[in-house]
C-alpha atoms as a PDB file:
ATOM      1  CA  MET A   1     195.301 109.774  87.501  1.00  0.00           C
ATOM      2  CA  LYS A   2     192.799 106.948  87.411  1.00  0.00           C
ATOM      3  CA  LEU A   3     190.642 108.724  90.000  1.00  0.00           C
ATOM      4  CA  VAL A   4     190.819 111.969  88.041  1.00  0.00           C
ATOM      5  CA  ASN A   5     189.857 110.188  84.815  1.00  0.00           C
ATOM      6  CA  PHE A   6     186.953 108.456  86.531  1.00  0.00           C
ATOM      7  CA  LEU A   7     185.640 111.732  87.957  1.00  0.00           C
ATOM      8  CA  THR A   8     185.971 113.394  84.566  1.00  0.00           C
ATOM      9  CA  LEU A   9     184.077 110.563  82.871  1.00  0.00           C
ATOM     10  CA  PHE A  10     181.397 110.566  85.578  1.00  0.00           C
ATOM     11  CA  THR A  11     180.929 114.329  85.276  1.00  0.00           C
ATOM     12  CA  THR A  12     180.674 114.072  81.488  1.00  0.00           C
ATOM     13  CA  MET A  13     177.978 111.401  81.781  1.00  0.00           C
ATOM     14  CA  ILE A  14     175.949 113.478  84.242  1.00  0.00           C
ATOM     15  CA  VAL A  15     176.109 116.536  81.979  1.00  0.00           C
ATOM     16  CA  ALA A  16     175.090 114.461  78.956  1.00  0.00           C
ATOM     17  CA  MET A  17     172.146 112.932  80.818  1.00  0.00           C
ATOM     18  CA  THR A  18     171.029 116.357  82.008  1.00  0.00           C
ATOM     19  CA  ILE A  19     171.139 117.807  78.501  1.00  0.00           C
ATOM     20  CA  SER A  20     169.260 114.777  77.144  1.00  0.00           C
ATOM     21  CA  THR A  21     166.583 115.101  79.824  1.00  0.00           C
ATOM     22  CA  MET A  22     166.229 118.813  79.169  1.00  0.00           C
ATOM     23  CA  ALA A  23     165.812 118.160  75.443  1.00  0.00           C
ATOM     24  CA  MET A  24     162.904 115.749  75.845  1.00  0.00           C
ATOM     25  CA  PRO A  25     160.139 118.293  76.560  1.00  0.00           C
ATOM     26  CA  PHE A  26     161.210 120.278  73.484  1.00  0.00           C
ATOM     27  CA  SER A  27     160.802 117.288  71.169  1.00  0.00           C
ATOM     28  CA  LEU A  28     157.453 116.454  72.760  1.00  0.00           C
ATOM     29  CA  ASP A  29     156.285 120.026  72.258  1.00  0.00           C
ATOM     30  CA  LYS A  30     157.246 119.794  68.595  1.00  0.00           C
ATOM     31  CA  ARG A  31     155.151 116.671  68.172  1.00  0.00           C
ATOM     32  CA  ASP A  32     152.241 118.281  69.996  1.00  0.00           C
ATOM     33  CA  ALA A  33     152.480 121.356  67.780  1.00  0.00           C
ATOM     34  CA  ALA A  34     152.556 119.180  64.659  1.00  0.00           C
ATOM     35  CA  SER A  35     149.438 117.356  65.861  1.00  0.00           C
ATOM     36  CA  ILE A  36     147.620 120.639  66.439  1.00  0.00           C
ATOM     37  CA  THR A  37     148.578 122.218  63.122  1.00  0.00           C
ATOM     38  CA  GLY A  38     147.652 118.949  61.415  1.00  0.00           C
ATOM     39  CA  SER A  39     144.177 119.047  62.961  1.00  0.00           C
ATOM     40  CA  PHE A  40     143.628 122.603  61.737  1.00  0.00           C
ATOM     41  CA  ALA A  41     144.770 121.586  58.259  1.00  0.00           C
ATOM     42  CA  THR A  42     142.221 118.746  58.366  1.00  0.00           C
ATOM     43  CA  ILE A  43     139.512 121.190  59.460  1.00  0.00           C
ATOM     44  CA  SER A  44     140.291 123.323  56.426  1.00  0.00           C
ATOM     45  CA  LYS A  45     140.248 120.232  54.191  1.00  0.00           C
ATOM     46  CA  LEU A  46     136.859 119.059  55.486  1.00  0.00           C
ATOM     47  CA  ILE A  47     135.319 122.483  54.907  1.00  0.00           C
ATOM     48  CA  SER A  48     136.835 122.489  51.422  1.00  0.00           C
ATOM     49  CA  GLN A  49     135.219 119.101  50.749  1.00  0.00           C
ATOM     50  CA  LEU A  50     131.856 120.535  51.780  1.00  0.00           C
ATOM     51  CA  ASP A  51     132.456 123.426  49.402  1.00  0.00           C
ATOM     52  CA  GLN A  52     133.388 121.071  46.562  1.00  0.00           C
ATOM     53  CA  ALA A  53     130.265 118.983  47.164  1.00  0.00           C
ATOM     54  CA  GLN A  54     128.182 122.119  46.841  1.00  0.00           C
ATOM     55  CA  LYS A  55     129.908 123.292  43.644  1.00  0.00           C
ATOM     56  CA  ALA A  56     129.863 119.833  42.076  1.00  0.00           C
ATOM     57  CA  ALA A  57     126.080 119.713  42.355  1.00  0.00           C
ATOM     58  CA  GLY A  58     125.726 122.880  40.294  1.00  0.00           C
ATOM     59  CA  GLN A  59     122.980 125.430  40.641  1.00  0.00           C
ATOM     60  CA  SER A  60     120.178 122.987  39.866  1.00  0.00           C
ATOM     61  CA  GLY A  61     121.772 119.806  41.192  1.00  0.00           C
ATOM     62  CA  THR A  62     121.217 118.198  44.560  1.00  0.00           C
ATOM     63  CA  PRO A  63     124.264 117.709  46.798  1.00  0.00           C
ATOM     64  CA  ASP A  64     124.574 114.506  48.820  1.00  0.00           C
ATOM     65  CA  PHE A  65     123.099 115.916  52.022  1.00  0.00           C
ATOM     66  CA  SER A  66     123.637 112.725  54.010  1.00  0.00           C
ATOM     67  CA  LYS A  67     127.337 112.605  53.107  1.00  0.00           C
ATOM     68  CA  ALA A  68     127.665 116.316  53.869  1.00  0.00           C
ATOM     69  CA  SER A  69     126.112 115.749  57.293  1.00  0.00           C
ATOM     70  CA  GLY A  70     128.710 113.063  57.963  1.00  0.00           C
ATOM     71  CA  LEU A  71     131.492 115.493  57.062  1.00  0.00           C
ATOM     72  CA  LEU A  72     129.984 118.029  59.462  1.00  0.00           C
ATOM     73  CA  ALA A  73     129.951 115.500  62.298  1.00  0.00           C
ATOM     74  CA  GLN A  74     133.554 114.594  61.490  1.00  0.00           C
ATOM     75  CA  LEU A  75     134.415 118.291  61.487  1.00  0.00           C
ATOM     76  CA  SER A  76     133.291 118.728  65.094  1.00  0.00           C
ATOM     77  CA  GLN A  77     135.296 115.704  66.234  1.00  0.00           C
ATOM     78  CA  THR A  78     138.417 117.016  64.500  1.00  0.00           C
ATOM     79  CA  ALA A  79     137.947 120.354  66.242  1.00  0.00           C
ATOM     80  CA  GLU A  80     137.655 118.502  69.547  1.00  0.00           C
ATOM     81  CA  SER A  81     140.918 116.682  68.871  1.00  0.00           C
ATOM     82  CA  ALA A  82     142.710 119.979  68.197  1.00  0.00           C
ATOM     83  CA  ASP A  83     141.217 121.494  71.340  1.00  0.00           C
ATOM     84  CA  SER A  84     142.288 118.558  73.495  1.00  0.00           C
ATOM     85  CA  ALA A  85     145.871 118.893  72.253  1.00  0.00           C
ATOM     86  CA  LEU A  86     145.855 122.631  72.960  1.00  0.00           C
ATOM     87  CA  VAL A  87     144.613 122.118  76.509  1.00  0.00           C
ATOM     88  CA  ALA A  88     147.367 119.540  77.042  1.00  0.00           C
ATOM     89  CA  LEU A  89     149.958 122.243  76.348  1.00  0.00           C
ATOM     90  CA  GLY A  90     149.075 123.885  79.646  1.00  0.00           C
ATOM     91  CA  SER A  91     150.460 127.408  79.793  1.00  0.00           C
ATOM     92  CA  SER A  92     152.904 126.895  76.906  1.00  0.00           C
ATOM     93  CA  LYS A  93     152.466 129.063  73.838  1.00  0.00           C
ATOM     94  CA  LEU A  94     152.570 127.737  70.299  1.00  0.00           C
ATOM     95  CA  ASP A  95     155.701 128.677  68.389  1.00  0.00           C
ATOM     96  CA  ALA A  96     155.467 131.288  65.624  1.00  0.00           C
ATOM     97  CA  GLY A  97     155.709 128.701  62.852  1.00  0.00           C
ATOM     98  CA  SER A  98     152.776 126.700  64.213  1.00  0.00           C
ATOM     99  CA  ALA A  99     150.710 129.836  64.835  1.00  0.00           C
ATOM    100  CA  SER A 100     151.348 130.974  61.271  1.00  0.00           C
ATOM    101  CA  SER A 101     150.380 127.569  59.875  1.00  0.00           C
ATOM    102  CA  ILE A 102     147.119 127.673  61.836  1.00  0.00           C
ATOM    103  CA  LYS A 103     146.456 131.182  60.526  1.00  0.00           C
ATOM    104  CA  SER A 104     146.716 129.889  56.958  1.00  0.00           C
ATOM    105  CA  SER A 105     144.374 126.990  57.721  1.00  0.00           C
ATOM    106  CA  LEU A 106     141.809 129.277  59.364  1.00  0.00           C
ATOM    107  CA  GLU A 107     141.876 131.729  56.469  1.00  0.00           C
ATOM    108  CA  SER A 108     141.491 128.908  53.962  1.00  0.00           C
ATOM    109  CA  ALA A 109     138.574 127.438  55.927  1.00  0.00           C
ATOM    110  CA  ALA A 110     136.905 130.834  56.284  1.00  0.00           C
ATOM    111  CA  SER A 111     137.123 131.464  52.545  1.00  0.00           C
ATOM    112  CA  SER A 112     134.860 128.501  51.757  1.00  0.00           C
ATOM    113  CA  VAL A 113     132.903 127.967  54.983  1.00  0.00           C
ATOM    114  CA  ARG A 114     129.789 129.635  53.567  1.00  0.00           C
ATOM    115  CA  SER A 115     129.274 126.394  51.659  1.00  0.00           C
ATOM    116  CA  ILE A 116     127.887 124.997  54.922  1.00  0.00           C
ATOM    117  CA  THR A 117     125.196 127.673  55.019  1.00  0.00           C
ATOM    118  CA  THR A 118     124.404 127.177  51.333  1.00  0.00           C
ATOM    119  CA  LEU A 119     124.184 123.402  51.679  1.00  0.00           C
ATOM    120  CA  ILE A 120     121.733 123.678  54.550  1.00  0.00           C
ATOM    121  CA  GLN A 121     119.660 126.271  52.715  1.00  0.00           C
ATOM    122  CA  LYS A 122     119.456 124.026  49.660  1.00  0.00           C
ATOM    123  CA  GLY A 123     118.659 120.992  51.767  1.00  0.00           C
ATOM    124  CA  LYS A 124     115.942 122.546  53.926  1.00  0.00           C
ATOM    125  CA  GLU A 125     113.050 120.851  52.118  1.00  0.00           C
ATOM    126  CA  TRP A 126     115.006 117.614  51.702  1.00  0.00           C
ATOM    127  CA  PHE A 127     115.780 117.445  55.427  1.00  0.00           C
ATOM    128  CA  ALA A 128     112.129 118.059  56.282  1.00  0.00           C
ATOM    129  CA  LYS A 129     110.910 115.450  53.805  1.00  0.00           C
ATOM    130  CA  ASN A 130     113.269 112.831  55.248  1.00  0.00           C
ATOM    131  CA  ASN A 131     112.634 113.708  58.916  1.00  0.00           C
ATOM    132  CA  ALA A 132     116.282 114.719  59.252  1.00  0.00           C
ATOM    133  CA  THR A 133     115.979 118.385  60.244  1.00  0.00           C
ATOM    134  CA  GLN A 134     116.607 117.879  63.960  1.00  0.00           C
ATOM    135  CA  LYS A 135     119.458 115.489  63.230  1.00  0.00           C
ATOM    136  CA  VAL A 136     121.388 117.980  61.137  1.00  0.00           C
ATOM    137  CA  ILE A 137     120.587 120.746  63.635  1.00  0.00           C
ATOM    138  CA  GLN A 138     122.163 118.724  66.452  1.00  0.00           C
ATOM    139  CA  ILE A 139     125.228 118.020  64.322  1.00  0.00           C
ATOM    140  CA  ILE A 140     125.738 121.731  63.661  1.00  0.00           C
ATOM    141  CA  GLN A 141     124.969 122.686  67.277  1.00  0.00           C
ATOM    142  CA  ALA A 142     127.796 120.383  68.377  1.00  0.00           C
ATOM    143  CA  ASN A 143     130.074 122.102  65.871  1.00  0.00           C
ATOM    144  CA  ILE A 144     129.236 125.586  67.122  1.00  0.00           C
ATOM    145  CA  ASP A 145     129.875 124.656  70.741  1.00  0.00           C
ATOM    146  CA  GLN A 146     133.130 122.850  69.969  1.00  0.00           C
ATOM    147  CA  PHE A 147     134.531 125.509  67.640  1.00  0.00           C
ATOM    148  CA  HIS A 148     133.665 128.198  70.173  1.00  0.00           C
ATOM    149  CA  GLN A 149     135.689 126.378  72.831  1.00  0.00           C
ATOM    150  CA  LEU A 150     138.468 125.534  70.382  1.00  0.00           C
ATOM    151  CA  PHE A 151     138.959 129.167  69.420  1.00  0.00           C
ATOM    152  CA  ILE A 152     138.950 130.320  73.048  1.00  0.00           C
ATOM    153  CA  ASP A 153     141.688 127.814  73.860  1.00  0.00           C
ATOM    154  CA  LEU A 154     143.602 128.543  70.659  1.00  0.00           C
ATOM    155  CA  ASN A 155     143.677 132.272  71.355  1.00  0.00           C
ATOM    156  CA  SER A 156     145.103 131.659  74.820  1.00  0.00           C
ATOM    157  CA  HIS A 157     148.054 129.777  73.323  1.00  0.00           C
ATOM    158  CA  VAL A 158     149.247 132.398  70.836  1.00  0.00           C
ATOM    159  CA  THR A 159     150.561 135.943  71.037  1.00  0.00           C
ATOM    160  CA  ASP A 160     148.178 138.876  70.778  1.00  0.00           C
ATOM    161  CA  THR A 161     149.319 139.503  67.203  1.00  0.00           C
ATOM    162  CA  TYR A 162     148.056 136.115  66.106  1.00  0.00           C
ATOM    163  CA  HIS A 163     144.975 136.411  68.302  1.00  0.00           C
ATOM    164  CA  GLN A 164     144.015 139.539  66.373  1.00  0.00           C
ATOM    165  CA  ALA A 165     144.767 137.847  63.049  1.00  0.00           C
ATOM    166  CA  TYR A 166     142.528 134.905  63.948  1.00  0.00           C
ATOM    167  CA  LYS A 167     139.463 136.957  64.911  1.00  0.00           C
ATOM    168  CA  ALA A 168     137.945 137.425  61.460  1.00  0.00           C
ATOM    169  CA  PRO A 169     138.226 133.814  60.227  1.00  0.00           C
ATOM    170  CA  GLU A 170     137.108 132.461  63.605  1.00  0.00           C
ATOM    171  CA  THR A 171     133.867 134.422  63.579  1.00  0.00           C
ATOM    172  CA  ARG A 172     133.273 133.703  59.892  1.00  0.00           C
ATOM    173  CA  ILE A 173     133.477 129.976  60.567  1.00  0.00           C
ATOM    174  CA  ILE A 174     131.090 129.990  63.515  1.00  0.00           C
ATOM    175  CA  CYS A 175     128.671 132.443  61.902  1.00  0.00           C
ATOM    176  CA  ALA A 176     128.331 130.225  58.834  1.00  0.00           C
ATOM    177  CA  MET A 177     127.081 127.491  61.166  1.00  0.00           C
ATOM    178  CA  VAL A 178     124.852 129.857  63.145  1.00  0.00           C
ATOM    179  CA  ASP A 179     123.208 131.045  59.934  1.00  0.00           C
ATOM    180  CA  ALA A 180     122.800 127.456  58.765  1.00  0.00           C
ATOM    181  CA  ILE A 181     120.772 126.530  61.845  1.00  0.00           C
ATOM    182  CA  ALA A 182     118.812 129.788  61.682  1.00  0.00           C
ATOM    183  CA  THR A 183     117.781 128.771  58.166  1.00  0.00           C
ATOM    184  CA  LEU A 184     116.170 125.627  59.567  1.00  0.00           C
ATOM    185  CA  ASP A 185     114.891 126.802  62.964  1.00  0.00           C
ATOM    186  CA  LYS A 186     115.910 130.059  64.655  1.00  0.00           C
ATOM    187  CA  SER A 187     114.803 128.776  68.048  1.00  0.00           C
ATOM    188  CA  GLN A 188     117.581 126.175  67.902  1.00  0.00           C
ATOM    189  CA  VAL A 189     120.416 128.723  68.004  1.00  0.00           C
ATOM    190  CA  SER A 190     121.103 131.544  70.463  1.00  0.00           C
ATOM    191  CA  GLU A 191     119.528 134.902  69.670  1.00  0.00           C
ATOM    192  CA  SER A 192     122.725 136.759  70.588  1.00  0.00           C
ATOM    193  CA  ALA A 193     124.680 134.695  68.060  1.00  0.00           C
ATOM    194  CA  VAL A 194     122.159 135.358  65.290  1.00  0.00           C
ATOM    195  CA  ASP A 195     122.141 139.078  66.070  1.00  0.00           C
ATOM    196  CA  TYR A 196     125.937 139.227  66.115  1.00  0.00           C
ATOM    197  CA  CYS A 197     126.318 137.382  62.819  1.00  0.00           C
ATOM    198  CA  ASN A 198     123.556 139.310  61.064  1.00  0.00           C
ATOM    199  CA  GLY A 199     125.107 142.528  62.361  1.00  0.00           C
ATOM    200  CA  GLY A 200     128.275 141.913  60.383  1.00  0.00           C
ATOM    201  CA  GLY A 201     130.198 139.814  62.852  1.00  0.00           C
ATOM    202  CA  ASP A 202     131.258 137.529  60.018  1.00  0.00           C
ATOM    203  CA  GLY A 203     132.011 140.360  57.635  1.00  0.00           C
ATOM    204  CA  GLY A 204     135.745 139.890  57.743  1.00  0.00           C
ATOM    205  CA  GLN A 205     136.628 142.795  60.019  1.00  0.00           C
ATOM    206  CA  PRO A 206     134.581 142.475  63.220  1.00  0.00           C
ATOM    207  CA  ASP A 207     135.286 145.436  65.474  1.00  0.00           C
ATOM    208  CA  ASP A 208     133.982 143.714  68.600  1.00  0.00           C
ATOM    209  CA  ALA A 209     137.077 142.749  70.588  1.00  0.00           C
ATOM    210  CA  SER A 210     135.109 140.062  72.395  1.00  0.00           C
ATOM    211  CA  GLY A 211     133.382 138.651  69.333  1.00  0.00           C
ATOM    212  CA  LEU A 212     133.490 135.066  70.604  1.00  0.00           C
ATOM    213  CA  ASP A 213     131.441 136.180  73.621  1.00  0.00           C
ATOM    214  CA  ALA A 214     128.440 136.336  71.295  1.00  0.00           C
ATOM    215  CA  PHE A 215     128.463 132.539  71.273  1.00  0.00           C
ATOM    216  CA  ASN A 216     128.723 132.058  75.046  1.00  0.00           C
ATOM    217  CA  ASP A 217     125.063 131.125  75.467  1.00  0.00           C
ATOM    218  CA  GLY A 218     124.903 128.669  72.616  1.00  0.00           C
ATOM    219  CA  VAL A 219     122.152 126.081  72.282  1.00  0.00           C
ATOM    220  CA  THR A 220     123.596 122.566  72.469  1.00  0.00           C
ATOM    221  CA  PRO A 221     121.982 119.236  71.530  1.00  0.00           C
ATOM    222  CA  SER A 222     119.765 117.585  74.119  1.00  0.00           C
ATOM    223  CA  GLY A 223     121.944 115.324  76.276  1.00  0.00           C
ATOM    224  CA  TYR A 224     125.166 116.988  75.124  1.00  0.00           C
ATOM    225  CA  SER A 225     126.200 118.063  78.626  1.00  0.00           C
ATOM    226  CA  SER A 226     125.786 114.482  79.896  1.00  0.00           C
ATOM    227  CA  CYS A 227     128.454 113.586  77.334  1.00  0.00           C
ATOM    228  CA  GLY A 228     130.903 116.093  78.787  1.00  0.00           C
ATOM    229  CA  ASN A 229     130.274 118.512  75.909  1.00  0.00           C
ATOM    230  CA  SER A 230     132.296 116.114  73.779  1.00  0.00           C
ATOM    231  CA  PRO A 231     131.162 115.738  70.143  1.00  0.00           C
ATOM    232  CA  THR A 232     132.926 112.375  69.943  1.00  0.00           C
ATOM    233  CA  MET A 233     131.154 110.975  72.991  1.00  0.00           C
ATOM    234  CA  PHE A 234     127.829 112.521  72.000  1.00  0.00           C
ATOM    235  CA  PHE A 235     127.865 111.105  68.473  1.00  0.00           C
ATOM    236  CA  GLN A 236     129.081 107.716  69.671  1.00  0.00           C
ATOM    237  CA  GLN A 237     126.117 107.511  72.037  1.00  0.00           C
ATOM    238  CA  ALA A 238     123.602 109.082  69.644  1.00  0.00           C
ATOM    239  CA  TYR A 239     124.434 106.731  66.784  1.00  0.00           C
ATOM    240  CA  THR A 240     124.728 103.653  68.997  1.00  0.00           C
ATOM    241  CA  SER A 241     121.358 104.302  70.647  1.00  0.00           C
ATOM    242  CA  LYS A 242     119.845 105.710  67.426  1.00  0.00           C
ATOM    243  CA  THR A 243     118.750 108.862  69.268  1.00  0.00           C
ATOM    244  CA  LEU A 244     120.378 111.525  67.079  1.00  0.00           C
ATOM    245  CA  GLY A 245     117.904 114.344  66.542  1.00  0.00           C
ATOM    246  CA  THR A 246     115.858 113.453  69.626  1.00  0.00           C
ATOM    247  CA  SER A 247     115.972 114.303  73.324  1.00  0.00           C
ATOM    248  CA  GLY A 248     116.934 110.734  74.222  1.00  0.00           C
ATOM    249  CA  THR A 249     120.733 110.838  73.985  1.00  0.00           C
ATOM    250  CA  GLN A 250     122.299 110.297  77.419  1.00  0.00           C
ATOM    251  CA  CYS A 251     125.891 109.334  78.180  1.00  0.00           C
ATOM    252  CA  THR A 252     126.998 107.292  81.183  1.00  0.00           C
ATOM    253  CA  ALA A 253     128.351 109.413  84.031  1.00  0.00           C
ATOM    254  CA  GLY A 254     132.125 109.296  84.275  1.00  0.00           C
ATOM    255  CA  GLU A 255     132.595 107.824  80.819  1.00  0.00           C
ATOM    256  CA  THR A 256     135.357 109.269  78.646  1.00  0.00           C
ATOM    257  CA  VAL A 257     136.506 108.741  75.071  1.00  0.00           C
ATOM    258  CA  THR A 258     139.514 109.776  73.039  1.00  0.00           C
ATOM    259  CA  PRO A 259     138.598 112.796  70.889  1.00  0.00           C
ATOM    260  CA  ASN A 260     137.880 111.901  67.272  1.00  0.00           C
ATOM    261  CA  SER A 261     138.005 108.160  68.005  1.00  0.00           C
ATOM    262  CA  PHE A 262     134.453 107.424  66.813  1.00  0.00           C
ATOM    263  CA  GLU A 263     133.913 106.656  63.142  1.00  0.00           C
ATOM    264  CA  ILE A 264     130.854 108.486  61.836  1.00  0.00           C
ATOM    265  CA  PRO A 265     128.535 106.034  60.014  1.00  0.00           C
ATOM    266  CA  GLN A 266     128.352 106.344  56.244  1.00  0.00           C
ATOM    267  CA  ASN A 267     124.597 106.838  56.612  1.00  0.00           C
ATOM    268  CA  ALA A 268     125.124 109.849  58.878  1.00  0.00           C
ATOM    269  CA  LEU A 269     121.435 110.790  59.017  1.00  0.00           C
ATOM    270  CA  MET A 270     120.288 107.201  59.669  1.00  0.00           C
ATOM    271  CA  LEU A 271     117.809 107.262  56.804  1.00  0.00           C
END
């Protein structure tokens, strides 16, 4: 009897350990999903803050362009953080609840993202007067490149139904940034992107199934590739070396940073 009881107890322990081990990836996936949906919620919040800054200034007022530029830099780093978490999922798909939450965040962001274009349009003379035009261009270029990659990776982690639902807000968000740069200097953004956006790509119902392809040949900041196409690493180097807006930003080969680990300076345009 003692041997039978021992074998029964041993078997029970093995089964319990197996179930516990099998449960671990599920809980990790839940935390990963929460991190990703949280990043998209933050993206929506940052864009909303840019919109509020624009509205608070009124038609004749002047928004705080330096603060807005800092929010834009932070926006790209937040997008990088979301992208990094998506890539870490490997071939796993996001669950329906997470995909739906992201859909809400994207739609909310897309509804107010034109504030970015408006802010840049209003600030065109101010940027020029303060020698900040190239700085803000590089900040937005980093955003376009990062959001393009983020959306590609996001779409690969959801079902086709959600992929289709994401298309309109995704292109609206990127096109608002494309148009913002075009306002300052059309040569600093890809011609295909400008043509796509001006052709209605951000009109809410783009009929081009490969709309994100329009941003494949994007113009990135000088030195961006040496930073692994990482906004966090690029801004860390650019602000540390005071080379933002120039061709002098260069990262050390092999260096890596945790996405969104760099705190953007309060004086984001280094004025």
